[in-house]
């Protein structure tokens, strides 16, 4: 698996819109997409970390370079106070079989 971790500073009031965008992306059924997590920090509720997983590096970059992803990025950046910090890499270990997600 391959993916990214992004640190983002969200503008006040922007979290609901980002959550909706995330749901829309999942519904699009991107090739190789495994899943994603969004963490909201206790110290600063407007700081979030996005973790995205793909089956392969090839699928990850095919999505990253797609026109659809560019449209999503342009929408997302409107809700952020600065450019995200992206940290791409190979996933060495993952266990999600017992994961329960909030609605």
N, C-alpha and C. Protein backbone atom coordinates (compact mmCIF):
# COMPACT_ATOMS: atom_id res chain seq x y z
N UNK A 1 0.84 -1.18 0.00
CA UNK A 1 0.00 0.00 0.00
C UNK A 1 0.88 1.24 0.00
N UNK A 2 0.28 2.32 -0.47
CA UNK A 2 0.97 3.60 -0.56
C UNK A 2 -0.03 4.68 -0.21
N UNK A 3 0.47 5.81 0.29
CA UNK A 3 -0.46 6.88 0.61
C UNK A 3 0.21 8.15 1.05
N UNK A 4 -0.58 8.98 1.69
CA UNK A 4 -0.09 10.28 2.14
C UNK A 4 -0.68 10.62 3.49
N UNK A 5 0.06 11.44 4.19
CA UNK A 5 -0.43 12.07 5.43
C UNK A 5 -0.31 13.57 5.19
N UNK A 6 -1.39 14.29 5.38
CA UNK A 6 -1.37 15.73 5.17
C UNK A 6 -1.77 16.44 6.45
N UNK A 7 -0.98 17.44 6.81
CA UNK A 7 -1.32 18.33 7.93
C UNK A 7 -1.98 19.55 7.32
N UNK A 8 -3.17 19.89 7.84
CA UNK A 8 -3.93 21.00 7.28
C UNK A 8 -4.45 21.91 8.39
N UNK A 9 -4.41 23.20 8.13
CA UNK A 9 -5.02 24.19 9.00
C UNK A 9 -6.31 24.63 8.32
N UNK A 10 -7.43 24.33 8.97
CA UNK A 10 -8.75 24.61 8.41
C UNK A 10 -9.22 25.98 8.89
N UNK A 11 -9.80 26.74 7.97
CA UNK A 11 -10.38 28.02 8.35
C UNK A 11 -11.54 27.76 9.30
N UNK A 12 -11.78 28.64 10.28
CA UNK A 12 -12.92 28.45 11.19
C UNK A 12 -14.22 28.25 10.40
N UNK A 13 -14.96 27.22 10.77
CA UNK A 13 -16.22 26.89 10.12
C UNK A 13 -16.08 26.03 8.88
N UNK A 14 -14.85 25.67 8.48
CA UNK A 14 -14.64 24.91 7.25
C UNK A 14 -14.73 23.41 7.38
N UNK A 15 -14.74 22.89 8.62
CA UNK A 15 -14.73 21.43 8.80
C UNK A 15 -15.94 20.71 8.20
N UNK A 16 -17.16 21.22 8.35
CA UNK A 16 -18.30 20.51 7.73
C UNK A 16 -18.17 20.39 6.21
N UNK A 17 -17.67 21.42 5.55
CA UNK A 17 -17.51 21.37 4.11
C UNK A 17 -16.45 20.35 3.72
N UNK A 18 -15.36 20.28 4.47
CA UNK A 18 -14.32 19.29 4.18
C UNK A 18 -14.81 17.87 4.40
N UNK A 19 -15.63 17.68 5.41
CA UNK A 19 -16.20 16.35 5.65
C UNK A 19 -17.09 15.93 4.48
N UNK A 20 -17.90 16.84 3.98
CA UNK A 20 -18.77 16.57 2.84
C UNK A 20 -17.94 16.23 1.60
N UNK A 21 -16.87 16.98 1.39
CA UNK A 21 -16.00 16.71 0.25
C UNK A 21 -15.40 15.32 0.34
N UNK A 22 -15.00 14.92 1.54
CA UNK A 22 -14.44 13.59 1.76
C UNK A 22 -15.45 12.51 1.40
N UNK A 23 -16.68 12.69 1.82
CA UNK A 23 -17.75 11.74 1.51
C UNK A 23 -17.98 11.66 0.00
N UNK A 24 -17.93 12.80 -0.68
CA UNK A 24 -18.12 12.83 -2.14
C UNK A 24 -16.99 12.09 -2.86
N UNK A 25 -15.77 12.25 -2.37
CA UNK A 25 -14.62 11.57 -2.97
C UNK A 25 -14.76 10.06 -2.82
N UNK A 26 -15.16 9.61 -1.65
CA UNK A 26 -15.36 8.18 -1.41
C UNK A 26 -16.42 7.63 -2.37
N UNK A 27 -17.49 8.39 -2.57
CA UNK A 27 -18.57 7.94 -3.45
C UNK A 27 -18.11 7.83 -4.90
N UNK A 28 -17.06 8.57 -5.27
CA UNK A 28 -16.56 8.56 -6.64
C UNK A 28 -15.88 7.24 -6.99
N UNK A 29 -15.52 6.44 -6.03
CA UNK A 29 -14.90 5.13 -6.23
C UNK A 29 -13.63 5.21 -7.09
N UNK A 30 -12.63 5.87 -6.54
CA UNK A 30 -11.35 6.06 -7.21
C UNK A 30 -10.61 4.72 -7.27
N UNK A 31 -10.02 4.40 -8.42
CA UNK A 31 -9.29 3.14 -8.61
C UNK A 31 -8.15 3.03 -7.59
N UNK A 32 -8.11 1.91 -6.88
CA UNK A 32 -7.04 1.64 -5.94
C UNK A 32 -7.21 2.25 -4.56
N UNK A 33 -8.25 3.05 -4.38
CA UNK A 33 -8.48 3.69 -3.08
C UNK A 33 -8.84 2.65 -2.03
N UNK A 34 -8.12 2.67 -0.90
CA UNK A 34 -8.37 1.72 0.18
C UNK A 34 -9.18 2.37 1.29
N UNK A 35 -8.81 3.57 1.68
CA UNK A 35 -9.54 4.25 2.74
C UNK A 35 -8.81 5.51 3.18
N UNK A 36 -9.46 6.23 4.09
CA UNK A 36 -8.86 7.45 4.61
C UNK A 36 -9.30 7.67 6.05
N UNK A 37 -8.51 8.46 6.74
CA UNK A 37 -8.80 8.85 8.11
C UNK A 37 -8.56 10.34 8.23
N UNK A 38 -9.37 11.02 9.02
CA UNK A 38 -9.14 12.43 9.31
C UNK A 38 -9.11 12.57 10.82
N UNK A 39 -8.01 13.10 11.32
CA UNK A 39 -7.83 13.33 12.75
C UNK A 39 -7.99 14.82 13.03
N UNK A 40 -8.80 15.15 14.02
CA UNK A 40 -8.91 16.53 14.49
C UNK A 40 -8.13 16.63 15.79
N UNK A 41 -7.22 17.59 15.85
CA UNK A 41 -6.32 17.71 16.99
C UNK A 41 -7.02 18.33 18.21
N UNK A 42 -6.72 17.78 19.39
CA UNK A 42 -7.28 18.29 20.64
C UNK A 42 -6.80 19.71 20.93
N UNK A 43 -5.52 19.95 20.71
CA UNK A 43 -4.95 21.27 21.02
C UNK A 43 -5.52 22.38 20.16
N UNK A 44 -5.80 22.06 18.91
CA UNK A 44 -6.29 23.06 17.95
C UNK A 44 -7.32 22.38 17.05
N UNK A 45 -8.61 22.59 17.32
CA UNK A 45 -9.65 21.93 16.53
C UNK A 45 -9.63 22.27 15.04
N UNK A 46 -8.91 23.34 14.67
CA UNK A 46 -8.82 23.70 13.26
C UNK A 46 -7.59 23.10 12.58
N UNK A 47 -6.86 22.26 13.31
CA UNK A 47 -5.74 21.53 12.72
C UNK A 47 -6.18 20.08 12.54
N UNK A 48 -6.07 19.59 11.31
CA UNK A 48 -6.45 18.21 11.02
C UNK A 48 -5.32 17.51 10.27
N UNK A 49 -5.28 16.20 10.43
CA UNK A 49 -4.36 15.35 9.68
C UNK A 49 -5.20 14.39 8.85
N UNK A 50 -4.92 14.35 7.57
CA UNK A 50 -5.61 13.47 6.64
C UNK A 50 -4.67 12.33 6.27
N UNK A 51 -5.12 11.11 6.41
CA UNK A 51 -4.35 9.93 6.01
C UNK A 51 -5.15 9.24 4.91
N UNK A 52 -4.50 9.02 3.76
CA UNK A 52 -5.16 8.39 2.62
C UNK A 52 -4.34 7.18 2.18
N UNK A 53 -5.02 6.07 1.94
CA UNK A 53 -4.37 4.82 1.56
C UNK A 53 -4.83 4.36 0.18
N UNK A 54 -3.85 3.90 -0.62
CA UNK A 54 -4.13 3.32 -1.93
C UNK A 54 -3.47 1.95 -2.02
N UNK A 55 -3.97 1.12 -2.92
CA UNK A 55 -3.40 -0.22 -3.13
C UNK A 55 -1.94 -0.14 -3.55
N UNK A 56 -1.59 0.87 -4.36
CA UNK A 56 -0.23 0.94 -4.89
C UNK A 56 0.19 2.38 -5.11
N UNK A 57 1.48 2.56 -5.26
CA UNK A 57 2.04 3.87 -5.58
C UNK A 57 1.51 4.34 -6.94
N UNK A 58 1.41 3.41 -7.87
CA UNK A 58 0.89 3.73 -9.21
C UNK A 58 -0.53 4.28 -9.13
N UNK A 59 -1.41 3.61 -8.38
CA UNK A 59 -2.80 4.08 -8.23
C UNK A 59 -2.85 5.43 -7.52
N UNK A 60 -1.99 5.59 -6.52
CA UNK A 60 -1.95 6.85 -5.77
C UNK A 60 -1.62 8.02 -6.71
N UNK A 61 -0.55 7.87 -7.49
CA UNK A 61 -0.14 8.96 -8.37
C UNK A 61 -1.07 9.14 -9.56
N UNK A 62 -1.71 8.07 -10.02
CA UNK A 62 -2.72 8.21 -11.08
C UNK A 62 -3.86 9.09 -10.57
N UNK A 63 -4.27 8.88 -9.34
CA UNK A 63 -5.32 9.72 -8.76
C UNK A 63 -4.81 11.14 -8.54
N UNK A 64 -3.61 11.27 -7.97
CA UNK A 64 -3.06 12.60 -7.67
C UNK A 64 -2.93 13.45 -8.93
N UNK A 65 -2.64 12.82 -10.06
CA UNK A 65 -2.44 13.53 -11.32
C UNK A 65 -3.72 13.68 -12.15
N UNK A 66 -4.84 13.17 -11.64
CA UNK A 66 -6.08 13.19 -12.42
C UNK A 66 -6.76 14.57 -12.36
N UNK A 67 -7.47 14.92 -13.44
CA UNK A 67 -8.23 16.18 -13.44
C UNK A 67 -9.28 16.23 -12.32
N UNK A 68 -9.89 15.08 -12.01
CA UNK A 68 -10.90 15.05 -10.95
C UNK A 68 -10.30 15.42 -9.60
N UNK A 69 -9.11 14.90 -9.32
CA UNK A 69 -8.46 15.20 -8.06
C UNK A 69 -8.06 16.67 -8.00
N UNK A 70 -7.66 17.23 -9.14
CA UNK A 70 -7.32 18.65 -9.17
C UNK A 70 -8.54 19.51 -8.84
N UNK A 71 -9.69 19.14 -9.37
CA UNK A 71 -10.93 19.86 -9.05
C UNK A 71 -11.21 19.77 -7.55
N UNK A 72 -11.07 18.58 -6.98
CA UNK A 72 -11.28 18.41 -5.54
C UNK A 72 -10.30 19.25 -4.73
N UNK A 73 -9.05 19.28 -5.16
CA UNK A 73 -8.03 20.07 -4.45
C UNK A 73 -8.38 21.55 -4.48
N UNK A 74 -8.79 22.05 -5.62
CA UNK A 74 -9.15 23.47 -5.74
C UNK A 74 -10.34 23.82 -4.85
N UNK A 75 -11.27 22.90 -4.70
CA UNK A 75 -12.40 23.11 -3.77
C UNK A 75 -11.91 23.11 -2.33
N UNK A 76 -11.05 22.13 -2.00
CA UNK A 76 -10.57 21.96 -0.63
C UNK A 76 -9.77 23.16 -0.15
N UNK A 77 -8.91 23.69 -0.99
CA UNK A 77 -8.00 24.76 -0.58
C UNK A 77 -8.76 26.01 -0.13
N UNK A 78 -9.99 26.17 -0.61
CA UNK A 78 -10.82 27.32 -0.20
C UNK A 78 -11.12 27.30 1.29
N UNK A 79 -11.10 26.11 1.90
CA UNK A 79 -11.44 25.97 3.31
C UNK A 79 -10.21 25.92 4.22
N UNK A 80 -9.03 26.06 3.62
CA UNK A 80 -7.79 25.97 4.40
C UNK A 80 -7.14 27.35 4.53
N UNK A 81 -6.43 27.53 5.64
CA UNK A 81 -5.71 28.78 5.87
C UNK A 81 -4.36 28.81 5.19
N UNK A 82 -3.87 27.67 4.73
CA UNK A 82 -2.56 27.56 4.08
C UNK A 82 -2.53 26.27 3.27
N UNK A 83 -1.52 26.15 2.42
CA UNK A 83 -1.33 24.91 1.66
C UNK A 83 -1.11 23.75 2.64
N UNK A 84 -1.64 22.57 2.34
CA UNK A 84 -1.38 21.41 3.19
C UNK A 84 0.09 21.01 3.13
N UNK A 85 0.56 20.38 4.20
CA UNK A 85 1.88 19.75 4.21
C UNK A 85 1.68 18.29 3.84
N UNK A 86 2.22 17.85 2.70
CA UNK A 86 2.03 16.48 2.22
C UNK A 86 3.23 15.63 2.56
N UNK A 87 2.98 14.42 3.04
CA UNK A 87 4.04 13.47 3.37
C UNK A 87 3.66 12.12 2.77
N UNK A 88 4.16 11.84 1.57
CA UNK A 88 3.83 10.61 0.85
C UNK A 88 4.78 9.49 1.26
N UNK A 89 4.28 8.24 1.20
CA UNK A 89 5.16 7.13 1.50
C UNK A 89 4.49 5.78 1.42
N UNK A 90 5.35 4.76 1.46
CA UNK A 90 4.92 3.37 1.44
C UNK A 90 4.38 2.99 2.83
N UNK A 91 3.27 2.30 2.86
CA UNK A 91 2.69 1.83 4.12
C UNK A 91 3.39 0.53 4.50
N UNK A 92 4.01 0.52 5.64
CA UNK A 92 4.73 -0.68 6.10
C UNK A 92 3.85 -1.63 6.89
N UNK A 93 2.84 -1.08 7.55
CA UNK A 93 1.97 -1.90 8.38
C UNK A 93 0.61 -1.23 8.50
N UNK A 94 -0.44 -2.04 8.45
CA UNK A 94 -1.80 -1.52 8.61
C UNK A 94 -2.69 -2.64 9.12
N UNK A 95 -3.54 -2.31 10.07
CA UNK A 95 -4.53 -3.26 10.58
C UNK A 95 -5.81 -2.50 10.83
N UNK A 96 -6.79 -2.71 9.97
CA UNK A 96 -8.05 -1.99 10.08
C UNK A 96 -9.24 -2.91 10.28
N UNK A 97 -9.00 -4.19 10.50
CA UNK A 97 -10.09 -5.17 10.54
C UNK A 97 -11.07 -4.93 11.69
N UNK A 98 -10.61 -4.36 12.77
CA UNK A 98 -11.50 -4.12 13.91
C UNK A 98 -11.86 -2.65 14.07
N UNK A 99 -11.66 -1.88 13.03
CA UNK A 99 -11.89 -0.44 13.10
C UNK A 99 -13.38 -0.13 13.02
N UNK A 100 -13.82 0.71 13.91
CA UNK A 100 -15.19 1.21 13.90
C UNK A 100 -15.12 2.71 13.64
N UNK A 101 -15.87 3.18 12.67
CA UNK A 101 -15.79 4.58 12.28
C UNK A 101 -17.02 5.35 12.77
N UNK A 102 -16.80 6.61 13.17
CA UNK A 102 -17.95 7.44 13.57
C UNK A 102 -18.80 7.79 12.34
N UNK A 103 -20.04 7.99 12.55
CA UNK A 103 -20.95 8.37 11.45
C UNK A 103 -20.90 9.84 11.23
